[in-house]
């Protein structure tokens, strides 16, 4: 049974097309290495159904399984091309540098108490 999530239901068509394309590329790499779905699933420690969902571009498939599959196919370095960081603030955060904020200032993305009351 598949899980349903409002974040997945609201996914834009462009992102779903990109996931489908990624699944097709994974399938092409698997076939190039002459492996069956069952063999890949066994190597990933997941079910064949889960691996089929990955190749189908289903948005609910685990990122961990995707990263493991890319590693098995010798394509893990391609993850570096996903949302590359630019210089400046984001690069500092990725390097593990601490970001200073004024005292009493909430972290970006933090939900305040009044926002929680609905």
Protein backbone atom coordinates (compact mmCIF):
# COMPACT_ATOMS: atom_id res chain seq x y z
CA UNK A 1 0.00 0.00 0.00
CA UNK A 2 1.42 3.41 -0.92
CA UNK A 3 1.67 6.26 1.54
CA UNK A 4 -0.08 9.50 0.82
CA UNK A 5 1.29 12.86 1.83
CA UNK A 6 -0.03 16.33 1.17
CA UNK A 7 3.50 17.44 0.27
CA UNK A 8 3.66 14.71 -2.39
CA UNK A 9 0.13 15.41 -3.61
CA UNK A 10 1.05 19.06 -4.09
CA UNK A 11 4.25 18.35 -6.01
CA UNK A 12 4.50 20.41 -9.19
CA UNK A 13 4.38 18.51 -12.49
CA UNK A 14 7.91 19.69 -13.34
CA UNK A 15 9.39 17.97 -10.30
CA UNK A 16 7.44 14.79 -11.02
CA UNK A 17 8.81 14.79 -14.59
CA UNK A 18 12.34 15.20 -13.24
CA UNK A 19 11.85 12.25 -10.87
CA UNK A 20 10.53 10.13 -13.74
CA UNK A 21 13.60 11.06 -15.80
CA UNK A 22 15.89 10.16 -12.91
CA UNK A 23 14.15 6.78 -12.63
CA UNK A 24 14.65 6.17 -16.34
CA UNK A 25 18.35 6.98 -16.04
CA UNK A 26 18.68 4.60 -13.07
CA UNK A 27 17.00 1.88 -15.14
CA UNK A 28 19.38 2.53 -18.05
CA UNK A 29 22.41 2.22 -15.75
CA UNK A 30 21.01 -0.99 -14.21
CA UNK A 31 20.44 -2.51 -17.65
CA UNK A 32 23.90 -1.40 -18.78
CA UNK A 33 25.34 -3.39 -15.88
CA UNK A 34 23.08 -6.34 -16.82
CA UNK A 35 21.31 -6.59 -13.47
CA UNK A 36 17.72 -7.55 -12.81
CA UNK A 37 15.37 -5.60 -10.56
CA UNK A 38 15.52 -8.45 -8.06
CA UNK A 39 19.32 -8.37 -7.99
CA UNK A 40 19.41 -4.61 -7.46
CA UNK A 41 16.75 -4.82 -4.74
CA UNK A 42 18.74 -7.53 -2.95
CA UNK A 43 21.90 -5.42 -3.13
CA UNK A 44 19.97 -2.40 -1.79
CA UNK A 45 18.35 -4.45 1.00
CA UNK A 46 14.90 -3.37 -0.17
CA UNK A 47 11.99 -5.10 -1.85
CA UNK A 48 11.72 -5.33 -5.64
CA UNK A 49 8.56 -3.23 -5.33
CA UNK A 50 10.52 -0.43 -3.67
CA UNK A 51 13.19 -0.57 -6.34
CA UNK A 52 10.53 -0.50 -9.07
CA UNK A 53 9.08 2.61 -7.41
CA UNK A 54 12.54 4.21 -7.53
CA UNK A 55 12.87 3.49 -11.25
CA UNK A 56 9.31 4.71 -11.81
CA UNK A 57 10.18 8.05 -10.23
CA UNK A 58 7.67 7.74 -7.41
CA UNK A 59 8.16 10.77 -5.14
CA UNK A 60 7.70 8.82 -1.89
CA UNK A 61 10.80 6.67 -2.40
CA UNK A 62 13.54 7.12 0.20
CA UNK A 63 16.46 9.40 -0.57
CA UNK A 64 18.67 6.91 1.26
CA UNK A 65 17.70 4.16 -1.17
CA UNK A 66 18.34 6.54 -4.07
CA UNK A 67 21.81 7.40 -2.76
CA UNK A 68 22.59 3.70 -2.18
CA UNK A 69 21.42 2.82 -5.70
CA UNK A 70 23.58 5.58 -7.19
CA UNK A 71 26.55 4.22 -5.22
CA UNK A 72 25.94 0.66 -6.48
CA UNK A 73 25.72 1.94 -10.05
CA UNK A 74 28.92 3.97 -9.71
CA UNK A 75 27.04 7.27 -10.02
CA UNK A 76 27.16 8.60 -6.45
CA UNK A 77 29.29 11.58 -7.45
CA UNK A 78 26.35 12.87 -9.50
CA UNK A 79 24.63 13.85 -6.25
CA UNK A 80 27.14 16.70 -5.99
CA UNK A 81 25.34 18.29 -8.95
CA UNK A 82 22.04 18.44 -7.05
CA UNK A 83 21.44 21.95 -5.69
CA UNK A 84 25.08 23.05 -5.84
CA UNK A 85 26.09 25.71 -3.34
CA UNK A 86 27.23 29.14 -4.36
CA UNK A 87 29.80 31.19 -2.52
CA UNK A 88 28.74 33.16 0.50
CA UNK A 89 26.25 32.32 3.21
CA UNK A 90 25.17 28.89 1.92
CA UNK A 91 28.75 27.78 1.36
CA UNK A 92 29.65 28.78 4.92
CA UNK A 93 26.75 26.79 6.32
CA UNK A 94 27.73 23.74 4.25
CA UNK A 95 31.29 24.01 5.52
CA UNK A 96 29.98 23.63 9.07
CA UNK A 97 30.47 27.25 10.09
CA UNK A 98 28.16 28.57 12.75
CA UNK A 99 25.77 31.32 11.81
CA UNK A 100 25.41 34.11 14.36
CA UNK A 101 22.04 35.68 15.11
CA UNK A 102 21.02 38.49 17.37
CA UNK A 103 19.85 37.45 20.81
CA UNK A 104 16.13 36.72 20.76
CA UNK A 105 16.02 36.39 16.99
CA UNK A 106 14.39 33.15 15.82
CA UNK A 107 16.18 30.86 13.42
CA UNK A 108 14.94 31.06 9.82
CA UNK A 109 12.01 28.73 9.28
CA UNK A 110 11.12 28.56 12.99
CA UNK A 111 7.41 28.69 13.72
CA UNK A 112 6.55 31.23 16.41
CA UNK A 113 4.09 30.51 19.22
CA UNK A 114 1.30 32.72 17.77
CA UNK A 115 1.62 30.86 14.45
CA UNK A 116 1.14 27.52 16.21
CA UNK A 117 -2.24 28.56 17.58
CA UNK A 118 -4.77 27.70 14.88
